[in-house]
Amino acid sequence: MKLLLLGIFTLTLSGCFGQEDRIYTVDELMADEVLLAKITSECRNNPGALRQTPNCQNAGAADWKLRLERMNRALGG
């Protein structure tokens, strides 16, 4: 019984932590440009605290890859 209650309590607490704690991959950010723009904006607004976070680094990489893809398409590649 105690184990069941502990499990329910743990699942309930895990639901309290939402998308803010999630680390997005470069591919996920490339697929969702709205999310990419949101994260990039947050990172640029607070570079001292956020520059080295995984989401900011992944957003920078995703932005760079998208720019290269667009440039390649524009040049006929």
C-alpha atoms as a PDB file:
ATOM      1  CA  MET A   1       0.000   0.000   0.000  1.00  0.00           C
ATOM      2  CA  LYS A   2       2.794   2.417   0.892  1.00  0.00           C
ATOM      3  CA  LEU A   3       4.527   1.653  -2.378  1.00  0.00           C
ATOM      4  CA  LEU A   4       1.352   2.396  -4.315  1.00  0.00           C
ATOM      5  CA  LEU A   5       0.911   5.742  -2.548  1.00  0.00           C
ATOM      6  CA  LEU A   6       4.565   6.603  -3.157  1.00  0.00           C
ATOM      7  CA  GLY A   7       4.144   5.804  -6.860  1.00  0.00           C
ATOM      8  CA  ILE A   8       1.031   7.959  -7.158  1.00  0.00           C
ATOM      9  CA  PHE A   9       2.725  10.803  -5.300  1.00  0.00           C
ATOM     10  CA  THR A  10       5.762  10.601  -7.591  1.00  0.00           C
ATOM     11  CA  LEU A  11       3.630  10.632 -10.744  1.00  0.00           C
ATOM     12  CA  THR A  12       1.642  13.580  -9.433  1.00  0.00           C
ATOM     13  CA  LEU A  13       4.794  15.578  -8.764  1.00  0.00           C
ATOM     14  CA  SER A  14       6.263  14.729 -12.137  1.00  0.00           C
ATOM     15  CA  GLY A  15       3.207  16.323 -13.746  1.00  0.00           C
ATOM     16  CA  CYS A  16       4.048  19.630 -12.072  1.00  0.00           C
ATOM     17  CA  PHE A  17       7.143  20.071 -14.173  1.00  0.00           C
ATOM     18  CA  GLY A  18       6.114  21.001 -17.677  1.00  0.00           C
ATOM     19  CA  GLN A  19       7.712  21.885 -20.949  1.00  0.00           C
ATOM     20  CA  GLU A  20      10.008  24.470 -19.364  1.00  0.00           C
ATOM     21  CA  ASP A  21      12.361  21.751 -18.138  1.00  0.00           C
ATOM     22  CA  ARG A  22      12.372  19.849 -21.423  1.00  0.00           C
ATOM     23  CA  ILE A  23      15.499  19.847 -23.539  1.00  0.00           C
ATOM     24  CA  TYR A  24      14.660  19.916 -27.226  1.00  0.00           C
ATOM     25  CA  THR A  25      16.850  18.293 -29.858  1.00  0.00           C
ATOM     26  CA  VAL A  26      18.121  20.150 -32.905  1.00  0.00           C
ATOM     27  CA  ASP A  27      15.794  18.119 -35.144  1.00  0.00           C
ATOM     28  CA  GLU A  28      12.748  18.924 -32.986  1.00  0.00           C
ATOM     29  CA  LEU A  29      13.568  22.625 -33.144  1.00  0.00           C
ATOM     30  CA  MET A  30      14.121  22.516 -36.907  1.00  0.00           C
ATOM     31  CA  ALA A  31      10.695  20.912 -37.326  1.00  0.00           C
ATOM     32  CA  ASP A  32       8.921  23.504 -35.144  1.00  0.00           C
ATOM     33  CA  GLU A  33      10.053  26.961 -36.212  1.00  0.00           C
ATOM     34  CA  VAL A  34       7.642  28.713 -33.816  1.00  0.00           C
ATOM     35  CA  LEU A  35       9.247  26.936 -30.870  1.00  0.00           C
ATOM     36  CA  LEU A  36      12.684  27.676 -32.307  1.00  0.00           C
ATOM     37  CA  ALA A  37      11.859  31.385 -32.554  1.00  0.00           C
ATOM     38  CA  LYS A  38      10.542  31.416 -28.966  1.00  0.00           C
ATOM     39  CA  ILE A  39      13.634  29.749 -27.520  1.00  0.00           C
ATOM     40  CA  THR A  40      15.993  31.856 -29.636  1.00  0.00           C
ATOM     41  CA  SER A  41      14.258  35.022 -28.472  1.00  0.00           C
ATOM     42  CA  GLU A  42      14.500  33.998 -24.811  1.00  0.00           C
ATOM     43  CA  CYS A  43      18.186  33.174 -25.229  1.00  0.00           C
ATOM     44  CA  ARG A  44      18.946  36.499 -26.897  1.00  0.00           C
ATOM     45  CA  ASN A  45      17.050  38.418 -24.212  1.00  0.00           C
ATOM     46  CA  ASN A  46      19.098  36.879 -21.400  1.00  0.00           C
ATOM     47  CA  PRO A  47      22.417  35.661 -22.841  1.00  0.00           C
ATOM     48  CA  GLY A  48      24.323  35.823 -19.563  1.00  0.00           C
ATOM     49  CA  ALA A  49      22.122  33.278 -17.832  1.00  0.00           C
ATOM     50  CA  LEU A  50      20.931  31.179 -20.772  1.00  0.00           C
ATOM     51  CA  ARG A  51      23.745  31.116 -23.344  1.00  0.00           C
ATOM     52  CA  GLN A  52      25.251  27.843 -22.116  1.00  0.00           C
ATOM     53  CA  THR A  53      21.958  25.983 -21.573  1.00  0.00           C
ATOM     54  CA  PRO A  54      21.295  22.959 -23.794  1.00  0.00           C
ATOM     55  CA  ASN A  55      18.146  24.475 -25.312  1.00  0.00           C
ATOM     56  CA  CYS A  56      19.959  27.668 -26.328  1.00  0.00           C
ATOM     57  CA  GLN A  57      22.845  25.731 -27.819  1.00  0.00           C
ATOM     58  CA  ASN A  58      20.461  23.422 -29.696  1.00  0.00           C
ATOM     59  CA  ALA A  59      18.414  26.411 -30.889  1.00  0.00           C
ATOM     60  CA  GLY A  60      21.561  28.061 -32.229  1.00  0.00           C
ATOM     61  CA  ALA A  61      22.531  24.882 -34.061  1.00  0.00           C
ATOM     62  CA  ALA A  62      19.017  24.423 -35.460  1.00  0.00           C
ATOM     63  CA  ASP A  63      18.892  28.031 -36.630  1.00  0.00           C
ATOM     64  CA  TRP A  64      22.260  27.653 -38.330  1.00  0.00           C
ATOM     65  CA  LYS A  65      21.222  24.419 -40.072  1.00  0.00           C
ATOM     66  CA  LEU A  66      17.954  25.963 -41.279  1.00  0.00           C
ATOM     67  CA  ARG A  67      19.818  28.972 -42.659  1.00  0.00           C
ATOM     68  CA  LEU A  68      22.243  26.703 -44.522  1.00  0.00           C
ATOM     69  CA  GLU A  69      19.368  24.672 -45.966  1.00  0.00           C
ATOM     70  CA  ARG A  70      17.587  27.830 -47.149  1.00  0.00           C
ATOM     71  CA  MET A  71      20.789  29.194 -48.665  1.00  0.00           C
ATOM     72  CA  ASN A  72      21.416  25.888 -50.422  1.00  0.00           C
ATOM     73  CA  ARG A  73      17.874  25.890 -51.873  1.00  0.00           C
ATOM     74  CA  ALA A  74      18.238  29.521 -52.973  1.00  0.00           C
ATOM     75  CA  LEU A  75      21.437  28.670 -54.824  1.00  0.00           C
ATOM     76  CA  GLY A  76      19.729  25.775 -56.590  1.00  0.00           C
ATOM     77  CA  GLY A  77      21.365  22.972 -54.621  1.00  0.00           C
END
